[in-house]
Amino acid sequence: MQEVENKYVETKSLSEQGLSWGMVSIHTYIKIAVIAAAVFLVFQREIYIVVSKWINDSSWSHGFIIPLFSLYFINQKKREILTTEFKASYLGFAALVFCIVAYSLTLFVYRFGYFQNVMIIPAIGAMVLFLGGWKLVKYAWLPVVYLIFSIPLPAKFYNDLTIPLRAHDAQIAAFLLNMVKGLEANASGVVIDIVYNGVKLEPGLDVAEACSGMRLLMAFLALGVAMAYLHYRPWWQRLILLGSTIPIAILCNVIRVVVTAFIYVLW
């Protein structure tokens, strides 16, 4: 099996010799630049909002890395992209116009901020379809969709997700703490009340929003998708890899809460 993989890597490296993005014509790069500039001008307000969130909110600081991963994914398909003849699709142009109209509706009529930000992604997808047709979409769809991990969730929705996660972590942490002699722990919502050697510790240990595990969950999901995409494995193995990211993220966060509780007790 290892020999087959080595031969595959060797064959791939040989086939990629002499292939570079410099092979793409200047005319194509000009088209990409013009359309990308137009999309940027339309969505510059949303791009500014999203990037500001990356800078000011540590929960979304990973947003800077996501576009780099997307570019890396595209580079991994360099051989296929450079050796395929693409044809522009005017359906992509129609889709791009539709995205701009839908964005305008969310901006001036419905005023739903999250969808205003999300519309950047289908607009990029429409741009890809317009430039290279469905053949290019075949190689670029996942790098484009992957950008969804960089779009911050609405604050209310994000908070609604963190509360049950915090309560869940508090329950598990309390259960594990009760297994230690001399410790009694009781979880009430997101607060763990701890009694150590008959003395109740005040105040109770609050599982804060930063300890909800959402950051770990988002990071693990993004990493899981990247690994599933980059590894040449059967689809069921990729699904297992992707599905395992959620319990692993929850487990890591529970361990963090339990360790924090022990530090709180013994400090």
C-alpha atoms as a PDB file:
ATOM      1  CA  MET A   1       0.000   0.000   0.000  1.00  0.00           C
ATOM      2  CA  GLN A   2       2.822   2.382   0.905  1.00  0.00           C
ATOM      3  CA  GLU A   3       4.570   1.524  -2.375  1.00  0.00           C
ATOM      4  CA  VAL A   4       1.414   2.374  -4.347  1.00  0.00           C
ATOM      5  CA  GLU A   5       1.109   5.722  -2.554  1.00  0.00           C
ATOM      6  CA  ASN A   6       4.792   6.489  -3.228  1.00  0.00           C
ATOM      7  CA  LYS A   7       4.313   5.701  -6.923  1.00  0.00           C
ATOM      8  CA  TYR A   8       1.240   7.942  -6.982  1.00  0.00           C
ATOM      9  CA  VAL A   9       3.168  10.819  -5.421  1.00  0.00           C
ATOM     10  CA  GLU A  10       6.111  10.244  -7.793  1.00  0.00           C
ATOM     11  CA  THR A  11       3.840  10.132 -10.867  1.00  0.00           C
ATOM     12  CA  LYS A  12       2.006  13.237  -9.719  1.00  0.00           C
ATOM     13  CA  SER A  13       5.243  15.158  -9.130  1.00  0.00           C
ATOM     14  CA  LEU A  14       6.530  14.176 -12.571  1.00  0.00           C
ATOM     15  CA  SER A  15       3.286  15.247 -14.234  1.00  0.00           C
ATOM     16  CA  GLU A  16       3.459  18.610 -12.474  1.00  0.00           C
ATOM     17  CA  GLN A  17       6.971  19.405 -13.674  1.00  0.00           C
ATOM     18  CA  GLY A  18       6.847  22.570 -15.725  1.00  0.00           C
ATOM     19  CA  LEU A  19       3.323  23.414 -14.559  1.00  0.00           C
ATOM     20  CA  SER A  20       2.925  26.773 -12.886  1.00  0.00           C
ATOM     21  CA  TRP A  21       0.285  29.452 -12.537  1.00  0.00           C
ATOM     22  CA  GLY A  22       2.422  31.523 -14.882  1.00  0.00           C
ATOM     23  CA  MET A  23       0.999  29.394 -17.697  1.00  0.00           C
ATOM     24  CA  VAL A  24      -2.325  31.188 -17.291  1.00  0.00           C
ATOM     25  CA  SER A  25      -2.666  33.956 -19.871  1.00  0.00           C
ATOM     26  CA  ILE A  26      -2.468  37.630 -18.937  1.00  0.00           C
ATOM     27  CA  HIS A  27      -5.916  38.042 -20.493  1.00  0.00           C
ATOM     28  CA  THR A  28      -7.349  35.532 -17.995  1.00  0.00           C
ATOM     29  CA  TYR A  29      -5.680  37.247 -15.053  1.00  0.00           C
ATOM     30  CA  ILE A  30      -7.081  40.591 -16.215  1.00  0.00           C
ATOM     31  CA  LYS A  31     -10.598  39.117 -16.370  1.00  0.00           C
ATOM     32  CA  ILE A  32     -10.198  37.656 -12.891  1.00  0.00           C
ATOM     33  CA  ALA A  33      -8.902  40.970 -11.535  1.00  0.00           C
ATOM     34  CA  VAL A  34     -11.718  43.006 -13.108  1.00  0.00           C
ATOM     35  CA  ILE A  35     -14.508  40.710 -11.896  1.00  0.00           C
ATOM     36  CA  ALA A  36     -12.910  40.315  -8.441  1.00  0.00           C
ATOM     37  CA  ALA A  37     -12.598  44.101  -8.150  1.00  0.00           C
ATOM     38  CA  ALA A  38     -16.279  44.496  -9.069  1.00  0.00           C
ATOM     39  CA  VAL A  39     -17.302  41.913  -6.459  1.00  0.00           C
ATOM     40  CA  PHE A  40     -15.080  43.629  -3.887  1.00  0.00           C
ATOM     41  CA  LEU A  41     -16.662  47.019  -4.596  1.00  0.00           C
ATOM     42  CA  VAL A  42     -20.157  45.577  -4.150  1.00  0.00           C
ATOM     43  CA  PHE A  43     -19.326  43.721  -0.931  1.00  0.00           C
ATOM     44  CA  GLN A  44     -16.653  46.013   0.520  1.00  0.00           C
ATOM     45  CA  ARG A  45     -18.873  46.941   3.485  1.00  0.00           C
ATOM     46  CA  GLU A  46     -19.411  43.269   4.396  1.00  0.00           C
ATOM     47  CA  ILE A  47     -15.745  42.416   3.875  1.00  0.00           C
ATOM     48  CA  TYR A  48     -14.808  45.232   6.258  1.00  0.00           C
ATOM     49  CA  ILE A  49     -17.326  43.985   8.862  1.00  0.00           C
ATOM     50  CA  VAL A  50     -16.087  40.387   8.626  1.00  0.00           C
ATOM     51  CA  VAL A  51     -12.388  41.313   8.825  1.00  0.00           C
ATOM     52  CA  SER A  52     -13.095  43.643  11.771  1.00  0.00           C
ATOM     53  CA  LYS A  53     -14.740  40.711  13.545  1.00  0.00           C
ATOM     54  CA  TRP A  54     -11.644  38.602  12.931  1.00  0.00           C
ATOM     55  CA  ILE A  55      -9.478  41.312  14.468  1.00  0.00           C
ATOM     56  CA  ASN A  56     -11.632  42.249  17.460  1.00  0.00           C
ATOM     57  CA  ASP A  57     -13.268  38.936  18.426  1.00  0.00           C
ATOM     58  CA  SER A  58     -10.915  36.122  19.433  1.00  0.00           C
ATOM     59  CA  SER A  59     -13.681  33.591  18.746  1.00  0.00           C
ATOM     60  CA  TRP A  60     -13.262  34.321  15.033  1.00  0.00           C
ATOM     61  CA  SER A  61      -9.557  35.096  14.826  1.00  0.00           C
ATOM     62  CA  HIS A  62      -9.120  31.896  12.801  1.00  0.00           C
ATOM     63  CA  GLY A  63     -10.918  33.672   9.948  1.00  0.00           C
ATOM     64  CA  PHE A  64      -7.603  34.959   8.592  1.00  0.00           C
ATOM     65  CA  ILE A  65      -6.406  31.389   7.989  1.00  0.00           C
ATOM     66  CA  ILE A  66      -9.495  30.098   6.159  1.00  0.00           C
ATOM     67  CA  PRO A  67      -8.911  31.967   2.847  1.00  0.00           C
ATOM     68  CA  LEU A  68      -5.294  30.759   2.890  1.00  0.00           C
ATOM     69  CA  PHE A  69      -6.525  27.172   3.231  1.00  0.00           C
ATOM     70  CA  SER A  70      -8.898  27.755   0.294  1.00  0.00           C
ATOM     71  CA  LEU A  71      -6.023  28.997  -1.860  1.00  0.00           C
ATOM     72  CA  TYR A  72      -3.973  25.968  -0.816  1.00  0.00           C
ATOM     73  CA  PHE A  73      -6.824  23.640  -1.814  1.00  0.00           C
ATOM     74  CA  ILE A  74      -6.949  25.273  -5.250  1.00  0.00           C
ATOM     75  CA  ASN A  75      -3.179  24.940  -5.596  1.00  0.00           C
ATOM     76  CA  GLN A  76      -3.528  21.220  -4.853  1.00  0.00           C
ATOM     77  CA  LYS A  77      -5.670  20.987  -8.001  1.00  0.00           C
ATOM     78  CA  LYS A  78      -3.140  22.934 -10.065  1.00  0.00           C
ATOM     79  CA  ARG A  79      -2.407  20.077 -12.451  1.00  0.00           C
ATOM     80  CA  GLU A  80      -6.082  19.459 -13.206  1.00  0.00           C
ATOM     81  CA  ILE A  81      -6.865  23.162 -13.595  1.00  0.00           C
ATOM     82  CA  LEU A  82      -3.895  23.963 -15.838  1.00  0.00           C
ATOM     83  CA  THR A  83      -4.402  20.937 -18.097  1.00  0.00           C
ATOM     84  CA  THR A  84      -8.145  21.408 -18.585  1.00  0.00           C
ATOM     85  CA  GLU A  85      -9.692  23.643 -21.215  1.00  0.00           C
ATOM     86  CA  PHE A  86     -12.344  25.820 -19.610  1.00  0.00           C
ATOM     87  CA  LYS A  87     -15.201  27.672 -21.211  1.00  0.00           C
ATOM     88  CA  ALA A  88     -16.936  30.658 -19.666  1.00  0.00           C
ATOM     89  CA  SER A  89     -20.559  30.167 -18.635  1.00  0.00           C
ATOM     90  CA  TYR A  90     -23.008  33.033 -18.858  1.00  0.00           C
ATOM     91  CA  LEU A  91     -25.111  31.174 -16.329  1.00  0.00           C
ATOM     92  CA  GLY A  92     -22.406  32.235 -13.884  1.00  0.00           C
ATOM     93  CA  PHE A  93     -22.911  35.851 -14.895  1.00  0.00           C
ATOM     94  CA  ALA A  94     -26.668  35.488 -14.315  1.00  0.00           C
ATOM     95  CA  ALA A  95     -25.958  33.879 -10.923  1.00  0.00           C
ATOM     96  CA  LEU A  96     -23.636  36.756 -10.034  1.00  0.00           C
ATOM     97  CA  VAL A  97     -26.342  39.292 -10.901  1.00  0.00           C
ATOM     98  CA  PHE A  98     -28.824  37.286  -8.818  1.00  0.00           C
ATOM     99  CA  CYS A  99     -26.408  37.331  -5.849  1.00  0.00           C
ATOM    100  CA  ILE A 100     -26.068  41.104  -6.111  1.00  0.00           C
ATOM    101  CA  VAL A 101     -29.867  41.532  -6.278  1.00  0.00           C
ATOM    102  CA  ALA A 102     -30.363  39.192  -3.297  1.00  0.00           C
ATOM    103  CA  TYR A 103     -27.667  41.082  -1.412  1.00  0.00           C
ATOM    104  CA  SER A 104     -29.434  44.373  -2.142  1.00  0.00           C
ATOM    105  CA  LEU A 105     -32.693  42.943  -0.769  1.00  0.00           C
ATOM    106  CA  THR A 106     -30.998  41.843   2.470  1.00  0.00           C
ATOM    107  CA  LEU A 107     -29.322  45.251   2.692  1.00  0.00           C
ATOM    108  CA  PHE A 108     -32.276  47.560   2.085  1.00  0.00           C
ATOM    109  CA  VAL A 109     -35.439  45.461   2.640  1.00  0.00           C
ATOM    110  CA  TYR A 110     -34.934  42.526   5.010  1.00  0.00           C
ATOM    111  CA  ARG A 111     -31.839  43.894   6.794  1.00  0.00           C
ATOM    112  CA  PHE A 112     -30.512  40.499   7.875  1.00  0.00           C
ATOM    113  CA  GLY A 113     -26.834  41.142   8.521  1.00  0.00           C
ATOM    114  CA  TYR A 114     -25.662  37.523   8.496  1.00  0.00           C
ATOM    115  CA  PHE A 115     -26.991  36.819   5.003  1.00  0.00           C
ATOM    116  CA  GLN A 116     -25.416  40.043   3.802  1.00  0.00           C
ATOM    117  CA  ASN A 117     -22.053  38.611   4.857  1.00  0.00           C
ATOM    118  CA  VAL A 118     -22.785  35.107   3.563  1.00  0.00           C
ATOM    119  CA  MET A 119     -23.740  36.395   0.100  1.00  0.00           C
ATOM    120  CA  ILE A 120     -20.038  37.005  -0.524  1.00  0.00           C
ATOM    121  CA  ILE A 121     -19.512  33.233  -0.877  1.00  0.00           C
ATOM    122  CA  PRO A 122     -22.151  32.437  -3.547  1.00  0.00           C
ATOM    123  CA  ALA A 123     -20.974  35.571  -5.373  1.00  0.00           C
ATOM    124  CA  ILE A 124     -17.441  34.118  -5.494  1.00  0.00           C
ATOM    125  CA  GLY A 125     -18.903  30.790  -6.635  1.00  0.00           C
ATOM    126  CA  ALA A 126     -20.839  32.554  -9.404  1.00  0.00           C
ATOM    127  CA  MET A 127     -17.634  34.317 -10.442  1.00  0.00           C
ATOM    128  CA  VAL A 128     -15.875  30.936 -10.713  1.00  0.00           C
ATOM    129  CA  LEU A 129     -18.744  29.553 -12.825  1.00  0.00           C
ATOM    130  CA  PHE A 130     -18.666  32.609 -15.072  1.00  0.00           C
ATOM    131  CA  LEU A 131     -14.904  32.408 -15.631  1.00  0.00           C
ATOM    132  CA  GLY A 132     -14.462  28.668 -16.179  1.00  0.00           C
ATOM    133  CA  GLY A 133     -17.837  26.980 -16.394  1.00  0.00           C
ATOM    134  CA  TRP A 134     -18.783  23.785 -14.600  1.00  0.00           C
ATOM    135  CA  LYS A 135     -15.375  22.216 -15.230  1.00  0.00           C
ATOM    136  CA  LEU A 136     -13.728  24.860 -13.061  1.00  0.00           C
ATOM    137  CA  VAL A 137     -16.506  24.591 -10.468  1.00  0.00           C
ATOM    138  CA  LYS A 138     -15.665  20.877 -10.220  1.00  0.00           C
ATOM    139  CA  TYR A 139     -12.221  21.744  -8.847  1.00  0.00           C
ATOM    140  CA  ALA A 140     -13.031  24.960  -6.978  1.00  0.00           C
ATOM    141  CA  TRP A 141     -16.389  24.324  -5.304  1.00  0.00           C
ATOM    142  CA  LEU A 142     -14.997  23.090  -1.977  1.00  0.00           C
ATOM    143  CA  PRO A 143     -12.379  25.870  -1.606  1.00  0.00           C
ATOM    144  CA  VAL A 144     -15.211  28.356  -2.166  1.00  0.00           C
ATOM    145  CA  VAL A 145     -17.671  26.662   0.212  1.00  0.00           C
ATOM    146  CA  TYR A 146     -14.875  26.299   2.790  1.00  0.00           C
ATOM    147  CA  LEU A 147     -14.952  30.084   3.205  1.00  0.00           C
ATOM    148  CA  ILE A 148     -18.175  29.659   5.235  1.00  0.00           C
ATOM    149  CA  PHE A 149     -15.951  28.892   8.235  1.00  0.00           C
ATOM    150  CA  SER A 150     -14.643  32.459   8.075  1.00  0.00           C
ATOM    151  CA  ILE A 151     -18.076  34.126   8.276  1.00  0.00           C
ATOM    152  CA  PRO A 152     -18.945  34.961  11.922  1.00  0.00           C
ATOM    153  CA  LEU A 153     -22.294  33.647  13.126  1.00  0.00           C
ATOM    154  CA  PRO A 154     -24.924  36.129  14.356  1.00  0.00           C
ATOM    155  CA  ALA A 155     -24.227  37.063  17.982  1.00  0.00           C
ATOM    156  CA  LYS A 156     -27.632  35.863  19.233  1.00  0.00           C
ATOM    157  CA  PHE A 157     -27.363  32.522  17.441  1.00  0.00           C
ATOM    158  CA  TYR A 158     -23.778  32.096  18.641  1.00  0.00           C
ATOM    159  CA  ASN A 159     -24.791  32.802  22.255  1.00  0.00           C
ATOM    160  CA  ASP A 160     -27.766  30.441  21.979  1.00  0.00           C
ATOM    161  CA  LEU A 161     -25.339  27.700  20.968  1.00  0.00           C
ATOM    162  CA  THR A 162     -22.820  28.416  23.717  1.00  0.00           C
ATOM    163  CA  ILE A 163     -25.318  28.223  26.611  1.00  0.00           C
ATOM    164  CA  PRO A 164     -26.233  24.514  26.177  1.00  0.00           C
ATOM    165  CA  LEU A 165     -22.575  23.698  25.504  1.00  0.00           C
ATOM    166  CA  ARG A 166     -21.533  25.440  28.712  1.00  0.00           C
ATOM    167  CA  ALA A 167     -24.259  23.639  30.687  1.00  0.00           C
ATOM    168  CA  HIS A 168     -23.240  20.312  29.144  1.00  0.00           C
ATOM    169  CA  ASP A 169     -19.585  20.862  30.036  1.00  0.00           C
ATOM    170  CA  ALA A 170     -20.552  21.883  33.576  1.00  0.00           C
ATOM    171  CA  GLN A 171     -22.568  18.665  34.063  1.00  0.00           C
ATOM    172  CA  ILE A 172     -19.745  16.419  32.852  1.00  0.00           C
ATOM    173  CA  ALA A 173     -17.120  18.321  34.847  1.00  0.00           C
ATOM    174  CA  ALA A 174     -19.237  18.043  38.007  1.00  0.00           C
ATOM    175  CA  PHE A 175     -19.640  14.300  37.448  1.00  0.00           C
ATOM    176  CA  LEU A 176     -15.876  13.838  37.111  1.00  0.00           C
ATOM    177  CA  LEU A 177     -15.118  16.045  40.117  1.00  0.00           C
ATOM    178  CA  ASN A 178     -17.462  13.950  42.271  1.00  0.00           C
ATOM    179  CA  MET A 179     -15.245  10.951  41.604  1.00  0.00           C
ATOM    180  CA  VAL A 180     -12.441  12.593  43.593  1.00  0.00           C
ATOM    181  CA  LYS A 181     -12.393  11.919  47.330  1.00  0.00           C
ATOM    182  CA  GLY A 182     -13.137  15.014  49.385  1.00  0.00           C
ATOM    183  CA  LEU A 183     -14.788  16.841  46.508  1.00  0.00           C
ATOM    184  CA  GLU A 184     -18.500  17.399  46.008  1.00  0.00           C
ATOM    185  CA  ALA A 185     -19.652  19.212  42.905  1.00  0.00           C
ATOM    186  CA  ASN A 186     -23.110  20.174  41.744  1.00  0.00           C
ATOM    187  CA  ALA A 187     -23.811  21.814  38.393  1.00  0.00           C
ATOM    188  CA  SER A 188     -26.559  24.405  38.283  1.00  0.00           C
ATOM    189  CA  GLY A 189     -26.873  25.705  34.756  1.00  0.00           C
ATOM    190  CA  VAL A 190     -23.425  26.946  33.807  1.00  0.00           C
ATOM    191  CA  VAL A 191     -22.170  27.264  37.407  1.00  0.00           C
ATOM    192  CA  ILE A 192     -20.449  24.461  39.326  1.00  0.00           C
ATOM    193  CA  ASP A 193     -20.857  24.662  43.112  1.00  0.00           C
ATOM    194  CA  ILE A 194     -17.921  22.917  44.782  1.00  0.00           C
ATOM    195  CA  VAL A 195     -17.548  21.646  48.350  1.00  0.00           C
ATOM    196  CA  TYR A 196     -13.987  20.718  49.309  1.00  0.00           C
ATOM    197  CA  ASN A 197     -13.424  18.846  52.588  1.00  0.00           C
ATOM    198  CA  GLY A 198     -16.786  20.052  53.868  1.00  0.00           C
ATOM    199  CA  VAL A 199     -16.147  23.706  52.989  1.00  0.00           C
ATOM    200  CA  LYS A 200     -18.156  25.302  50.210  1.00  0.00           C
ATOM    201  CA  LEU A 201     -15.968  27.322  47.894  1.00  0.00           C
ATOM    202  CA  GLU A 202     -17.247  30.767  47.035  1.00  0.00           C
ATOM    203  CA  PRO A 203     -17.994  31.875  44.453  1.00  0.00           C
ATOM    204  CA  GLY A 204     -19.041  28.904  42.348  1.00  0.00           C
ATOM    205  CA  LEU A 205     -17.052  28.047  39.259  1.00  0.00           C
ATOM    206  CA  ASP A 206     -18.688  29.717  36.266  1.00  0.00           C
ATOM    207  CA  VAL A 207     -18.160  28.012  32.921  1.00  0.00           C
ATOM    208  CA  ALA A 208     -17.718  31.234  30.974  1.00  0.00           C
ATOM    209  CA  GLU A 209     -18.564  31.775  27.315  1.00  0.00           C
ATOM    210  CA  ALA A 210     -14.876  31.503  26.449  1.00  0.00           C
ATOM    211  CA  CYS A 211     -14.961  27.963  27.888  1.00  0.00           C
ATOM    212  CA  SER A 212     -18.073  26.907  25.953  1.00  0.00           C
ATOM    213  CA  GLY A 213     -16.009  25.012  23.407  1.00  0.00           C
ATOM    214  CA  MET A 214     -17.397  26.870  20.388  1.00  0.00           C
ATOM    215  CA  ARG A 215     -13.940  28.076  19.390  1.00  0.00           C
ATOM    216  CA  LEU A 216     -12.563  24.552  19.553  1.00  0.00           C
ATOM    217  CA  LEU A 217     -15.605  23.185  17.728  1.00  0.00           C
ATOM    218  CA  MET A 218     -15.326  25.658  14.849  1.00  0.00           C
ATOM    219  CA  ALA A 219     -11.564  25.137  14.593  1.00  0.00           C
ATOM    220  CA  PHE A 220     -11.853  21.332  14.682  1.00  0.00           C
ATOM    221  CA  LEU A 221     -14.636  21.330  12.068  1.00  0.00           C
ATOM    222  CA  ALA A 222     -12.578  23.509   9.735  1.00  0.00           C
ATOM    223  CA  LEU A 223      -9.517  21.322  10.301  1.00  0.00           C
ATOM    224  CA  GLY A 224     -11.569  18.132   9.837  1.00  0.00           C
ATOM    225  CA  VAL A 225     -12.935  19.296   6.482  1.00  0.00           C
ATOM    226  CA  ALA A 226      -9.418  20.231   5.365  1.00  0.00           C
ATOM    227  CA  MET A 227      -7.973  16.849   6.338  1.00  0.00           C
ATOM    228  CA  ALA A 228     -10.868  14.939   4.766  1.00  0.00           C
ATOM    229  CA  TYR A 229     -10.384  16.874   1.529  1.00  0.00           C
ATOM    230  CA  LEU A 230      -6.605  16.555   1.343  1.00  0.00           C
ATOM    231  CA  HIS A 231      -6.300  12.865   2.256  1.00  0.00           C
ATOM    232  CA  TYR A 232      -6.904  10.341  -0.513  1.00  0.00           C
ATOM    233  CA  ARG A 233      -9.064   7.909   1.441  1.00  0.00           C
ATOM    234  CA  PRO A 234     -12.420   6.146   0.850  1.00  0.00           C
ATOM    235  CA  TRP A 235     -15.453   8.404   1.388  1.00  0.00           C
ATOM    236  CA  TRP A 236     -16.555   6.509   4.513  1.00  0.00           C
ATOM    237  CA  GLN A 237     -13.176   7.085   6.168  1.00  0.00           C
ATOM    238  CA  ARG A 238     -13.455  10.793   5.382  1.00  0.00           C
ATOM    239  CA  LEU A 239     -16.934  10.890   6.916  1.00  0.00           C
ATOM    240  CA  ILE A 240     -15.651   9.192  10.084  1.00  0.00           C
ATOM    241  CA  LEU A 241     -12.769  11.676  10.243  1.00  0.00           C
ATOM    242  CA  LEU A 242     -15.157  14.592   9.818  1.00  0.00           C
ATOM    243  CA  GLY A 243     -17.713  13.226  12.292  1.00  0.00           C
ATOM    244  CA  SER A 244     -15.069  12.581  14.950  1.00  0.00           C
ATOM    245  CA  THR A 245     -14.144  16.263  15.123  1.00  0.00           C
ATOM    246  CA  ILE A 246     -17.263  17.134  17.148  1.00  0.00           C
ATOM    247  CA  PRO A 247     -16.815  14.648  20.042  1.00  0.00           C
ATOM    248  CA  ILE A 248     -13.060  15.307  20.100  1.00  0.00           C
ATOM    249  CA  ALA A 249     -13.646  19.057  20.399  1.00  0.00           C
ATOM    250  CA  ILE A 250     -16.206  18.515  23.186  1.00  0.00           C
ATOM    251  CA  LEU A 251     -13.868  16.115  25.019  1.00  0.00           C
ATOM    252  CA  CYS A 252     -10.941  18.556  24.813  1.00  0.00           C
ATOM    253  CA  ASN A 253     -13.094  21.332  26.202  1.00  0.00           C
ATOM    254  CA  VAL A 254     -14.412  19.153  29.060  1.00  0.00           C
ATOM    255  CA  ILE A 255     -10.816  18.303  29.993  1.00  0.00           C
ATOM    256  CA  ARG A 256     -10.012  22.013  30.030  1.00  0.00           C
ATOM    257  CA  VAL A 257     -12.980  22.764  32.322  1.00  0.00           C
ATOM    258  CA  VAL A 258     -12.065  19.912  34.703  1.00  0.00           C
ATOM    259  CA  VAL A 259      -8.410  21.001  34.883  1.00  0.00           C
ATOM    260  CA  THR A 260      -9.544  24.576  35.548  1.00  0.00           C
ATOM    261  CA  ALA A 261     -11.800  23.289  38.342  1.00  0.00           C
ATOM    262  CA  PHE A 262      -8.920  21.424  39.990  1.00  0.00           C
ATOM    263  CA  ILE A 263      -6.737  24.530  39.799  1.00  0.00           C
ATOM    264  CA  TYR A 264      -9.591  26.531  41.334  1.00  0.00           C
ATOM    265  CA  VAL A 265      -9.916  24.043  44.210  1.00  0.00           C
ATOM    266  CA  LEU A 266      -6.238  23.548  44.953  1.00  0.00           C
ATOM    267  CA  TRP A 267      -4.896  27.058  44.326  1.00  0.00           C
END
